[in-house]
Amino acid sequence: MQFTVTDAPTRERFEARDEAGAVAGFVTYQLTGSIIAYTHTEVDPAYEGRGVGSTLARAVMDDARSKRRTVVPICPFLADWLVKHPEYEGIVVRTTRKIK
């Protein structure tokens, strides 16, 4: 199954939709200038295990990179995903302490 990710700026989130247009998951954000904080990732239970979270993570990070934004990964899912994807390290703000 293919998912399409689009920005819904009025809702401050990126949405992943399936081929029928149903929302499979989303990532919420807060944008301040060139800094974007990704605050929460949620996948509809009907789509769990189908790669929606990873598709969203890659899409939001590619979007941030293309717009030359600095990313603050507040969302635990995205923060963990970024550990496995060091190619985005150059645009991610890191701290010396981990927030749980």
N, C-alpha and C. Protein backbone atom coordinates (compact mmCIF):
# COMPACT_ATOMS: atom_id res chain seq x y z
N MET A 1 0.85 -1.18 0.00
CA MET A 1 0.00 0.00 0.00
C MET A 1 0.89 1.24 0.00
N GLN A 2 0.53 2.20 -0.84
CA GLN A 2 1.27 3.45 -0.93
C GLN A 2 0.60 4.51 -0.07
N PHE A 3 1.42 5.37 0.53
CA PHE A 3 0.91 6.48 1.33
C PHE A 3 1.46 7.78 0.77
N THR A 4 0.62 8.79 0.74
CA THR A 4 1.01 10.11 0.29
C THR A 4 1.04 11.03 1.50
N VAL A 5 2.15 11.75 1.66
CA VAL A 5 2.30 12.66 2.81
C VAL A 5 2.21 14.09 2.31
N THR A 6 1.33 14.86 2.95
CA THR A 6 1.18 16.27 2.60
C THR A 6 1.14 17.11 3.87
N ASP A 7 1.55 18.35 3.72
CA ASP A 7 1.51 19.30 4.82
C ASP A 7 0.10 19.89 4.90
N ALA A 8 -0.44 19.95 6.11
CA ALA A 8 -1.73 20.60 6.37
C ALA A 8 -1.43 21.75 7.34
N PRO A 9 -0.90 22.87 6.83
CA PRO A 9 -0.41 23.93 7.71
C PRO A 9 -1.47 24.54 8.63
N THR A 10 -2.73 24.56 8.22
CA THR A 10 -3.76 25.12 9.10
C THR A 10 -3.99 24.24 10.32
N ARG A 11 -3.60 22.96 10.21
CA ARG A 11 -3.72 22.03 11.34
C ARG A 11 -2.37 21.80 12.01
N GLU A 12 -1.32 22.42 11.46
CA GLU A 12 0.04 22.25 11.95
C GLU A 12 0.43 20.77 12.03
N ARG A 13 0.24 20.09 10.91
CA ARG A 13 0.61 18.68 10.86
C ARG A 13 0.81 18.22 9.43
N PHE A 14 1.60 17.17 9.31
CA PHE A 14 1.75 16.45 8.05
C PHE A 14 0.86 15.22 8.16
N GLU A 15 0.15 14.92 7.09
CA GLU A 15 -0.75 13.78 7.09
C GLU A 15 -0.34 12.75 6.06
N ALA A 16 -0.39 11.49 6.45
CA ALA A 16 -0.18 10.38 5.53
C ALA A 16 -1.55 9.82 5.19
N ARG A 17 -1.83 9.77 3.89
CA ARG A 17 -3.13 9.25 3.43
C ARG A 17 -2.91 8.02 2.56
N ASP A 18 -3.85 7.08 2.67
CA ASP A 18 -3.77 5.89 1.83
C ASP A 18 -4.31 6.21 0.44
N GLU A 19 -4.36 5.20 -0.43
CA GLU A 19 -4.78 5.40 -1.82
C GLU A 19 -6.23 5.88 -1.93
N ALA A 20 -7.05 5.59 -0.92
CA ALA A 20 -8.45 6.03 -0.92
C ALA A 20 -8.62 7.42 -0.31
N GLY A 21 -7.54 7.97 0.22
CA GLY A 21 -7.60 9.31 0.81
C GLY A 21 -7.83 9.34 2.31
N ALA A 22 -7.90 8.18 2.93
CA ALA A 22 -8.11 8.13 4.38
C ALA A 22 -6.80 8.45 5.10
N VAL A 23 -6.92 9.19 6.20
CA VAL A 23 -5.74 9.54 7.00
C VAL A 23 -5.26 8.30 7.74
N ALA A 24 -4.02 7.90 7.45
CA ALA A 24 -3.43 6.73 8.09
C ALA A 24 -2.58 7.12 9.29
N GLY A 25 -2.11 8.36 9.31
CA GLY A 25 -1.29 8.84 10.42
C GLY A 25 -0.90 10.29 10.19
N PHE A 26 -0.28 10.88 11.22
CA PHE A 26 0.13 12.27 11.10
C PHE A 26 1.28 12.59 12.05
N VAL A 27 1.98 13.68 11.75
CA VAL A 27 3.01 14.24 12.61
C VAL A 27 2.64 15.69 12.85
N THR A 28 2.51 16.08 14.12
CA THR A 28 2.21 17.47 14.44
C THR A 28 3.50 18.25 14.60
N TYR A 29 3.41 19.56 14.39
CA TYR A 29 4.61 20.39 14.48
C TYR A 29 4.28 21.80 14.96
N GLN A 30 5.33 22.49 15.38
CA GLN A 30 5.26 23.92 15.69
C GLN A 30 6.39 24.57 14.92
N LEU A 31 6.04 25.58 14.13
CA LEU A 31 7.01 26.25 13.28
C LEU A 31 7.24 27.67 13.78
N THR A 32 8.51 28.00 14.01
CA THR A 32 8.90 29.34 14.42
C THR A 32 10.08 29.76 13.55
N GLY A 33 9.82 30.62 12.58
CA GLY A 33 10.88 31.02 11.67
C GLY A 33 11.40 29.82 10.91
N SER A 34 12.70 29.57 11.03
CA SER A 34 13.30 28.43 10.33
C SER A 34 13.47 27.22 11.24
N ILE A 35 12.86 27.25 12.42
CA ILE A 35 12.95 26.13 13.36
C ILE A 35 11.60 25.42 13.40
N ILE A 36 11.65 24.11 13.18
CA ILE A 36 10.43 23.30 13.25
C ILE A 36 10.60 22.24 14.33
N ALA A 37 9.65 22.20 15.26
CA ALA A 37 9.64 21.19 16.32
C ALA A 37 8.55 20.18 15.98
N TYR A 38 8.96 18.93 15.81
CA TYR A 38 8.01 17.86 15.57
C TYR A 38 7.60 17.32 16.93
N THR A 39 6.32 17.46 17.26
CA THR A 39 5.87 17.22 18.62
C THR A 39 5.21 15.87 18.87
N HIS A 40 4.61 15.28 17.83
CA HIS A 40 3.86 14.04 18.07
C HIS A 40 3.65 13.30 16.75
N THR A 41 3.80 11.99 16.80
CA THR A 41 3.49 11.13 15.66
C THR A 41 2.40 10.16 16.09
N GLU A 42 1.41 10.02 15.24
CA GLU A 42 0.32 9.09 15.55
C GLU A 42 -0.06 8.32 14.29
N VAL A 43 -0.19 7.01 14.43
CA VAL A 43 -0.62 6.14 13.33
C VAL A 43 -1.93 5.48 13.74
N ASP A 44 -2.90 5.54 12.84
CA ASP A 44 -4.19 4.89 13.09
C ASP A 44 -3.93 3.40 13.32
N PRO A 45 -4.54 2.80 14.35
CA PRO A 45 -4.30 1.38 14.64
C PRO A 45 -4.54 0.45 13.44
N ALA A 46 -5.43 0.81 12.55
CA ALA A 46 -5.70 -0.03 11.37
C ALA A 46 -4.51 -0.08 10.42
N TYR A 47 -3.57 0.86 10.56
CA TYR A 47 -2.42 0.93 9.65
C TYR A 47 -1.10 0.57 10.32
N GLU A 48 -1.13 0.20 11.58
CA GLU A 48 0.10 -0.12 12.29
C GLU A 48 0.82 -1.29 11.61
N GLY A 49 2.15 -1.20 11.60
CA GLY A 49 2.96 -2.25 11.00
C GLY A 49 3.08 -2.18 9.49
N ARG A 50 2.60 -1.10 8.89
CA ARG A 50 2.64 -0.97 7.43
C ARG A 50 3.63 0.11 6.97
N GLY A 51 4.43 0.63 7.89
CA GLY A 51 5.45 1.60 7.51
C GLY A 51 4.98 3.04 7.47
N VAL A 52 3.80 3.32 8.02
CA VAL A 52 3.28 4.68 7.98
C VAL A 52 4.18 5.63 8.79
N GLY A 53 4.59 5.21 9.97
CA GLY A 53 5.44 6.06 10.81
C GLY A 53 6.75 6.40 10.13
N SER A 54 7.39 5.41 9.54
CA SER A 54 8.66 5.65 8.84
C SER A 54 8.46 6.52 7.61
N THR A 55 7.36 6.31 6.90
CA THR A 55 7.06 7.14 5.73
C THR A 55 6.88 8.59 6.14
N LEU A 56 6.15 8.81 7.23
CA LEU A 56 5.96 10.16 7.75
C LEU A 56 7.29 10.77 8.18
N ALA A 57 8.08 10.01 8.92
CA ALA A 57 9.36 10.52 9.43
C ALA A 57 10.26 10.97 8.29
N ARG A 58 10.40 10.14 7.29
CA ARG A 58 11.26 10.50 6.15
C ARG A 58 10.70 11.72 5.42
N ALA A 59 9.40 11.78 5.23
CA ALA A 59 8.79 12.91 4.52
C ALA A 59 8.97 14.23 5.27
N VAL A 60 8.76 14.21 6.58
CA VAL A 60 8.90 15.48 7.32
C VAL A 60 10.35 15.93 7.39
N MET A 61 11.27 14.97 7.49
CA MET A 61 12.68 15.34 7.53
C MET A 61 13.16 15.83 6.16
N ASP A 62 12.71 15.20 5.09
CA ASP A 62 13.06 15.67 3.75
C ASP A 62 12.49 17.07 3.50
N ASP A 63 11.28 17.31 3.97
CA ASP A 63 10.67 18.63 3.82
C ASP A 63 11.49 19.68 4.57
N ALA A 64 11.86 19.37 5.81
CA ALA A 64 12.66 20.32 6.59
C ALA A 64 13.99 20.60 5.91
N ARG A 65 14.63 19.58 5.42
CA ARG A 65 15.92 19.76 4.74
C ARG A 65 15.75 20.63 3.49
N SER A 66 14.72 20.37 2.71
CA SER A 66 14.53 21.14 1.47
C SER A 66 14.22 22.60 1.74
N LYS A 67 13.66 22.89 2.92
CA LYS A 67 13.32 24.27 3.28
C LYS A 67 14.36 24.90 4.20
N ARG A 68 15.48 24.18 4.37
CA ARG A 68 16.59 24.66 5.20
C ARG A 68 16.16 25.01 6.63
N ARG A 69 15.36 24.12 7.20
CA ARG A 69 14.89 24.31 8.58
C ARG A 69 15.74 23.51 9.54
N THR A 70 15.77 23.97 10.77
CA THR A 70 16.42 23.25 11.86
C THR A 70 15.33 22.47 12.59
N VAL A 71 15.58 21.19 12.84
CA VAL A 71 14.58 20.30 13.43
C VAL A 71 14.84 20.07 14.92
N VAL A 72 13.78 20.22 15.71
CA VAL A 72 13.81 19.87 17.12
C VAL A 72 12.87 18.66 17.27
N PRO A 73 13.44 17.47 17.47
CA PRO A 73 12.61 16.25 17.53
C PRO A 73 12.08 15.99 18.95
N ILE A 74 10.96 16.61 19.27
CA ILE A 74 10.35 16.42 20.59
C ILE A 74 9.65 15.06 20.66
N CYS A 75 9.07 14.63 19.57
CA CYS A 75 8.35 13.36 19.49
C CYS A 75 9.31 12.19 19.71
N PRO A 76 9.03 11.33 20.68
CA PRO A 76 9.93 10.19 20.95
C PRO A 76 10.09 9.25 19.75
N PHE A 77 9.03 9.02 19.00
CA PHE A 77 9.13 8.15 17.82
C PHE A 77 10.13 8.72 16.82
N LEU A 78 9.99 10.01 16.52
CA LEU A 78 10.88 10.63 15.55
C LEU A 78 12.32 10.68 16.07
N ALA A 79 12.48 10.98 17.34
CA ALA A 79 13.83 11.02 17.93
C ALA A 79 14.50 9.65 17.80
N ASP A 80 13.77 8.58 18.06
CA ASP A 80 14.33 7.22 17.92
C ASP A 80 14.61 6.89 16.46
N TRP A 81 13.73 7.30 15.56
CA TRP A 81 13.91 7.05 14.14
C TRP A 81 15.18 7.75 13.65
N LEU A 82 15.43 8.95 14.14
CA LEU A 82 16.61 9.70 13.72
C LEU A 82 17.92 9.05 14.14
N VAL A 83 17.91 8.30 15.23
CA VAL A 83 19.11 7.58 15.66
C VAL A 83 19.55 6.61 14.58
N LYS A 84 18.58 6.02 13.87
CA LYS A 84 18.86 5.05 12.81
C LYS A 84 19.10 5.70 11.45
N HIS A 85 18.95 7.01 11.38
CA HIS A 85 19.08 7.73 10.11
C HIS A 85 20.00 8.94 10.27
N PRO A 86 21.29 8.68 10.40
CA PRO A 86 22.25 9.77 10.64
C PRO A 86 22.38 10.74 9.47
N GLU A 87 21.81 10.43 8.32
CA GLU A 87 21.90 11.33 7.19
C GLU A 87 21.20 12.67 7.44
N TYR A 88 20.38 12.74 8.49
CA TYR A 88 19.68 13.98 8.83
C TYR A 88 20.35 14.75 9.97
N GLU A 89 21.43 14.22 10.50
CA GLU A 89 22.08 14.78 11.68
C GLU A 89 22.40 16.27 11.53
N GLY A 90 22.75 16.70 10.34
CA GLY A 90 23.15 18.09 10.11
C GLY A 90 22.06 19.12 10.33
N ILE A 91 20.79 18.69 10.35
CA ILE A 91 19.70 19.66 10.55
C ILE A 91 18.97 19.46 11.88
N VAL A 92 19.46 18.56 12.71
CA VAL A 92 18.79 18.23 13.97
C VAL A 92 19.49 18.87 15.15
N VAL A 93 18.70 19.50 16.02
CA VAL A 93 19.22 20.05 17.27
C VAL A 93 19.25 18.93 18.29
N ARG A 94 20.39 18.74 18.89
CA ARG A 94 20.53 17.72 19.93
C ARG A 94 20.84 18.39 21.25
N THR A 95 20.44 17.74 22.32
CA THR A 95 20.73 18.22 23.66
C THR A 95 21.54 17.16 24.37
N THR A 96 22.14 17.52 25.48
CA THR A 96 22.92 16.56 26.23
C THR A 96 22.06 15.72 27.16
N ARG A 97 20.81 16.07 27.32
CA ARG A 97 19.93 15.26 28.16
C ARG A 97 18.70 14.84 27.37
N LYS A 98 18.18 13.69 27.70
CA LYS A 98 17.05 13.15 26.99
C LYS A 98 15.78 13.40 27.81
N ILE A 99 14.78 13.87 27.14
CA ILE A 99 13.49 14.13 27.78
C ILE A 99 12.61 12.91 27.59
N LYS A 100 12.03 12.43 28.67
CA LYS A 100 11.15 11.26 28.59
C LYS A 100 9.75 11.64 28.98
